[in-house]
Amino acid sequence: MTFQLGAALLDACVLSVLSREDAYGYKLTQEVREVMDISESTLYPVLRRLQKDECLEIYDMPYQGRNRRYYKITTRGKDVLEVYLEEWKLYVEKINKVFSGGK
């Protein structure tokens, strides 16, 4: 069974991965796939939205004769990630409370 995951959680996962290091699309997809089922076609609109919201910057680097697009978290993106992390902690506490019978 797989739980449906919302856009905010996907944004948080992407920002979290990028908070550790800059990444290109395929690598980013592989890292996010470790925790949720996502395709590259799902990821790119998320990246565009986060860039539009000034949470990400992009830059190109040559790789084997072609340019590879990298994504980098911004200061605003780090601030947004901190909010997501605090909300996640509260959410997990509430879910754990429900799962443990309200204790």
N, C-alpha and C. Protein backbone atom coordinates (compact mmCIF):
# COMPACT_ATOMS: atom_id res chain seq x y z
N MET A 1 0.84 -1.18 0.00
CA MET A 1 0.00 0.00 0.00
C MET A 1 0.88 1.24 0.00
N THR A 2 0.49 2.21 -0.80
CA THR A 2 1.22 3.47 -0.89
C THR A 2 0.30 4.59 -0.47
N PHE A 3 0.80 5.49 0.39
CA PHE A 3 0.03 6.65 0.80
C PHE A 3 0.12 7.73 -0.27
N GLN A 4 -0.99 8.43 -0.50
CA GLN A 4 -0.98 9.57 -1.41
C GLN A 4 -0.22 10.71 -0.74
N LEU A 5 0.69 11.30 -1.46
CA LEU A 5 1.50 12.37 -0.90
C LEU A 5 1.17 13.68 -1.59
N GLY A 6 1.07 14.73 -0.81
CA GLY A 6 0.70 16.03 -1.34
C GLY A 6 1.87 16.78 -1.93
N ALA A 7 1.53 17.88 -2.61
CA ALA A 7 2.53 18.72 -3.24
C ALA A 7 3.50 19.31 -2.23
N ALA A 8 3.01 19.69 -1.07
CA ALA A 8 3.87 20.30 -0.07
C ALA A 8 4.96 19.32 0.39
N LEU A 9 4.59 18.06 0.55
CA LEU A 9 5.58 17.07 0.97
C LEU A 9 6.60 16.83 -0.15
N LEU A 10 6.16 16.82 -1.37
CA LEU A 10 7.07 16.67 -2.50
C LEU A 10 8.02 17.87 -2.55
N ASP A 11 7.49 19.08 -2.39
CA ASP A 11 8.35 20.28 -2.35
C ASP A 11 9.38 20.16 -1.25
N ALA A 12 8.95 19.73 -0.07
CA ALA A 12 9.85 19.59 1.07
C ALA A 12 10.95 18.58 0.77
N CYS A 13 10.61 17.47 0.15
CA CYS A 13 11.62 16.45 -0.18
C CYS A 13 12.64 16.99 -1.18
N VAL A 14 12.16 17.69 -2.20
CA VAL A 14 13.06 18.26 -3.20
C VAL A 14 13.98 19.28 -2.54
N LEU A 15 13.43 20.17 -1.74
CA LEU A 15 14.26 21.17 -1.06
C LEU A 15 15.25 20.53 -0.11
N SER A 16 14.84 19.47 0.55
CA SER A 16 15.73 18.78 1.47
C SER A 16 16.92 18.16 0.74
N VAL A 17 16.66 17.50 -0.38
CA VAL A 17 17.75 16.91 -1.16
C VAL A 17 18.70 18.02 -1.63
N LEU A 18 18.14 19.13 -2.11
CA LEU A 18 18.98 20.21 -2.62
C LEU A 18 19.68 20.98 -1.51
N SER A 19 19.22 20.85 -0.29
CA SER A 19 19.91 21.52 0.82
C SER A 19 21.25 20.85 1.12
N ARG A 20 21.40 19.60 0.68
CA ARG A 20 22.66 18.88 0.90
C ARG A 20 23.66 19.14 -0.22
N GLU A 21 23.16 19.25 -1.46
CA GLU A 21 24.03 19.53 -2.60
C GLU A 21 23.19 19.89 -3.81
N ASP A 22 23.77 20.66 -4.72
CA ASP A 22 23.11 20.95 -5.99
C ASP A 22 22.95 19.64 -6.75
N ALA A 23 21.92 19.56 -7.58
CA ALA A 23 21.69 18.32 -8.32
C ALA A 23 21.03 18.61 -9.65
N TYR A 24 21.26 17.74 -10.62
CA TYR A 24 20.57 17.82 -11.90
C TYR A 24 19.32 16.95 -11.83
N GLY A 25 18.42 17.14 -12.77
CA GLY A 25 17.09 16.54 -12.72
C GLY A 25 17.05 15.04 -12.49
N TYR A 26 17.83 14.27 -13.27
CA TYR A 26 17.77 12.81 -13.13
C TYR A 26 18.25 12.38 -11.75
N LYS A 27 19.36 12.94 -11.28
CA LYS A 27 19.90 12.59 -9.96
C LYS A 27 18.90 12.95 -8.86
N LEU A 28 18.29 14.10 -9.01
CA LEU A 28 17.29 14.55 -8.04
C LEU A 28 16.10 13.59 -8.02
N THR A 29 15.65 13.19 -9.19
CA THR A 29 14.54 12.23 -9.28
C THR A 29 14.90 10.93 -8.56
N GLN A 30 16.11 10.43 -8.78
CA GLN A 30 16.52 9.17 -8.15
C GLN A 30 16.54 9.29 -6.62
N GLU A 31 16.99 10.43 -6.11
CA GLU A 31 17.05 10.60 -4.65
C GLU A 31 15.65 10.71 -4.05
N VAL A 32 14.76 11.44 -4.72
CA VAL A 32 13.40 11.58 -4.22
C VAL A 32 12.67 10.24 -4.31
N ARG A 33 12.97 9.45 -5.34
CA ARG A 33 12.35 8.12 -5.50
C ARG A 33 12.64 7.18 -4.34
N GLU A 34 13.68 7.46 -3.59
CA GLU A 34 13.99 6.61 -2.44
C GLU A 34 12.90 6.69 -1.37
N VAL A 35 12.12 7.77 -1.38
CA VAL A 35 11.07 7.92 -0.37
C VAL A 35 9.66 7.98 -0.95
N MET A 36 9.53 8.28 -2.23
CA MET A 36 8.20 8.32 -2.84
C MET A 36 8.29 7.98 -4.32
N ASP A 37 7.19 7.47 -4.85
CA ASP A 37 7.13 7.10 -6.26
C ASP A 37 6.89 8.37 -7.07
N ILE A 38 7.87 8.75 -7.87
CA ILE A 38 7.78 9.98 -8.66
C ILE A 38 8.51 9.77 -9.98
N SER A 39 7.98 10.36 -11.02
CA SER A 39 8.63 10.30 -12.34
C SER A 39 9.26 11.65 -12.64
N GLU A 40 10.16 11.65 -13.61
CA GLU A 40 10.77 12.92 -14.02
C GLU A 40 9.70 13.88 -14.53
N SER A 41 8.69 13.37 -15.21
CA SER A 41 7.64 14.25 -15.74
C SER A 41 6.83 14.90 -14.62
N THR A 42 6.80 14.29 -13.45
CA THR A 42 6.15 14.90 -12.28
C THR A 42 7.08 15.90 -11.62
N LEU A 43 8.37 15.61 -11.62
CA LEU A 43 9.33 16.44 -10.91
C LEU A 43 9.55 17.79 -11.58
N TYR A 44 9.62 17.84 -12.89
CA TYR A 44 9.97 19.10 -13.56
C TYR A 44 8.98 20.23 -13.32
N PRO A 45 7.68 19.99 -13.30
CA PRO A 45 6.77 21.08 -12.93
C PRO A 45 6.99 21.57 -11.49
N VAL A 46 7.36 20.66 -10.60
CA VAL A 46 7.67 21.03 -9.21
C VAL A 46 8.89 21.95 -9.20
N LEU A 47 9.91 21.59 -9.96
CA LEU A 47 11.12 22.41 -10.02
C LEU A 47 10.82 23.79 -10.60
N ARG A 48 9.99 23.84 -11.63
CA ARG A 48 9.63 25.15 -12.21
C ARG A 48 8.86 26.00 -11.20
N ARG A 49 7.95 25.38 -10.47
CA ARG A 49 7.18 26.12 -9.46
C ARG A 49 8.08 26.65 -8.35
N LEU A 50 8.99 25.79 -7.87
CA LEU A 50 9.91 26.22 -6.82
C LEU A 50 10.85 27.33 -7.31
N GLN A 51 11.22 27.26 -8.58
CA GLN A 51 12.05 28.33 -9.14
C GLN A 51 11.24 29.62 -9.22
N LYS A 52 10.00 29.53 -9.67
CA LYS A 52 9.13 30.70 -9.76
C LYS A 52 8.92 31.33 -8.38
N ASP A 53 8.84 30.50 -7.36
CA ASP A 53 8.66 30.97 -5.98
C ASP A 53 9.97 31.41 -5.34
N GLU A 54 11.04 31.45 -6.13
CA GLU A 54 12.36 31.90 -5.70
C GLU A 54 12.99 31.00 -4.63
N CYS A 55 12.62 29.73 -4.65
CA CYS A 55 13.21 28.75 -3.73
C CYS A 55 14.39 28.04 -4.37
N LEU A 56 14.49 28.11 -5.69
CA LEU A 56 15.57 27.45 -6.43
C LEU A 56 16.17 28.39 -7.44
N GLU A 57 17.45 28.17 -7.73
CA GLU A 57 18.13 28.80 -8.85
C GLU A 57 18.59 27.68 -9.77
N ILE A 58 18.75 28.00 -11.05
CA ILE A 58 19.25 26.99 -11.98
C ILE A 58 20.52 27.52 -12.63
N TYR A 59 21.37 26.58 -13.01
CA TYR A 59 22.55 26.92 -13.79
C TYR A 59 22.92 25.71 -14.62
N ASP A 60 23.62 25.95 -15.72
CA ASP A 60 24.03 24.87 -16.62
C ASP A 60 25.53 24.66 -16.49
N MET A 61 25.94 23.39 -16.59
CA MET A 61 27.35 23.01 -16.58
C MET A 61 27.57 22.02 -17.71
N PRO A 62 28.70 22.15 -18.42
CA PRO A 62 28.98 21.17 -19.47
C PRO A 62 29.23 19.78 -18.88
N TYR A 63 28.71 18.79 -19.56
CA TYR A 63 28.92 17.40 -19.15
C TYR A 63 28.94 16.54 -20.41
N GLN A 64 30.05 15.93 -20.71
CA GLN A 64 30.23 15.06 -21.88
C GLN A 64 29.73 15.72 -23.16
N GLY A 65 30.12 16.97 -23.36
CA GLY A 65 29.79 17.68 -24.60
C GLY A 65 28.40 18.29 -24.64
N ARG A 66 27.66 18.16 -23.56
CA ARG A 66 26.31 18.75 -23.50
C ARG A 66 26.20 19.56 -22.22
N ASN A 67 25.19 20.39 -22.16
CA ASN A 67 24.93 21.12 -20.92
C ASN A 67 23.99 20.31 -20.05
N ARG A 68 24.28 20.32 -18.77
CA ARG A 68 23.42 19.66 -17.79
C ARG A 68 22.89 20.76 -16.88
N ARG A 69 21.58 20.78 -16.67
CA ARG A 69 20.95 21.81 -15.83
C ARG A 69 20.96 21.36 -14.37
N TYR A 70 21.49 22.22 -13.53
CA TYR A 70 21.57 21.97 -12.09
C TYR A 70 20.60 22.87 -11.35
N TYR A 71 20.13 22.37 -10.24
CA TYR A 71 19.21 23.11 -9.37
C TYR A 71 19.90 23.34 -8.03
N LYS A 72 19.75 24.56 -7.53
CA LYS A 72 20.40 24.97 -6.29
C LYS A 72 19.37 25.65 -5.40
N ILE A 73 19.34 25.28 -4.12
CA ILE A 73 18.41 25.89 -3.19
C ILE A 73 18.88 27.32 -2.87
N THR A 74 17.95 28.24 -2.72
CA THR A 74 18.24 29.63 -2.38
C THR A 74 18.04 29.83 -0.87
N THR A 75 18.38 31.00 -0.42
CA THR A 75 18.14 31.34 0.99
C THR A 75 16.66 31.25 1.30
N ARG A 76 15.83 31.75 0.40
CA ARG A 76 14.38 31.64 0.59
C ARG A 76 13.97 30.18 0.64
N GLY A 77 14.54 29.35 -0.21
CA GLY A 77 14.23 27.92 -0.22
C GLY A 77 14.60 27.26 1.10
N LYS A 78 15.72 27.66 1.68
CA LYS A 78 16.13 27.13 2.99
C LYS A 78 15.14 27.54 4.07
N ASP A 79 14.66 28.78 3.99
CA ASP A 79 13.66 29.25 4.97
C ASP A 79 12.36 28.47 4.83
N VAL A 80 11.93 28.25 3.60
CA VAL A 80 10.71 27.48 3.34
C VAL A 80 10.89 26.05 3.84
N LEU A 81 12.04 25.46 3.61
CA LEU A 81 12.32 24.10 4.08
C LEU A 81 12.22 24.02 5.59
N GLU A 82 12.73 25.01 6.30
CA GLU A 82 12.64 25.02 7.77
C GLU A 82 11.18 25.00 8.23
N VAL A 83 10.33 25.76 7.56
CA VAL A 83 8.90 25.76 7.89
C VAL A 83 8.31 24.37 7.64
N TYR A 84 8.63 23.78 6.49
CA TYR A 84 8.15 22.43 6.18
C TYR A 84 8.61 21.43 7.24
N LEU A 85 9.85 21.53 7.68
CA LEU A 85 10.37 20.59 8.67
C LEU A 85 9.63 20.71 10.00
N GLU A 86 9.36 21.92 10.42
CA GLU A 86 8.60 22.12 11.66
C GLU A 86 7.18 21.57 11.54
N GLU A 87 6.53 21.84 10.40
CA GLU A 87 5.18 21.31 10.17
C GLU A 87 5.20 19.79 10.11
N TRP A 88 6.24 19.21 9.51
CA TRP A 88 6.36 17.76 9.42
C TRP A 88 6.46 17.14 10.81
N LYS A 89 7.27 17.72 11.67
CA LYS A 89 7.43 17.20 13.02
C LYS A 89 6.09 17.17 13.76
N LEU A 90 5.32 18.24 13.63
CA LEU A 90 4.00 18.29 14.28
C LEU A 90 3.06 17.24 13.68
N TYR A 91 3.10 17.10 12.36
CA TYR A 91 2.25 16.13 11.67
C TYR A 91 2.57 14.71 12.13
N VAL A 92 3.86 14.38 12.19
CA VAL A 92 4.28 13.04 12.62
C VAL A 92 3.82 12.77 14.05
N GLU A 93 3.96 13.74 14.92
CA GLU A 93 3.51 13.57 16.30
C GLU A 93 2.01 13.26 16.35
N LYS A 94 1.21 13.96 15.56
CA LYS A 94 -0.23 13.74 15.55
C LYS A 94 -0.57 12.35 14.99
N ILE A 95 0.09 11.97 13.92
CA ILE A 95 -0.16 10.65 13.32
C ILE A 95 0.25 9.55 14.29
N ASN A 96 1.40 9.69 14.92
CA ASN A 96 1.86 8.69 15.89
C ASN A 96 0.88 8.58 17.06
N LYS A 97 0.33 9.70 17.45
CA LYS A 97 -0.66 9.70 18.54
C LYS A 97 -1.90 8.90 18.13
N VAL A 98 -2.36 9.11 16.92
CA VAL A 98 -3.53 8.36 16.42
C VAL A 98 -3.20 6.87 16.33
N PHE A 99 -2.04 6.54 15.79
CA PHE A 99 -1.65 5.14 15.62
C PHE A 99 -1.46 4.43 16.96
N SER A 100 -1.08 5.16 17.97
CA SER A 100 -0.85 4.53 19.27
C SER A 100 -2.06 4.59 20.18
N GLY A 101 -3.20 4.91 19.62
CA GLY A 101 -4.45 4.91 20.39
C GLY A 101 -4.67 6.17 21.22
N GLY A 102 -4.08 7.26 20.78
CA GLY A 102 -4.32 8.53 21.47
C GLY A 102 -3.42 8.78 22.66
N LYS A 103 -2.40 7.99 22.82
CA LYS A 103 -1.49 8.14 23.98
C LYS A 103 -0.24 8.87 23.62
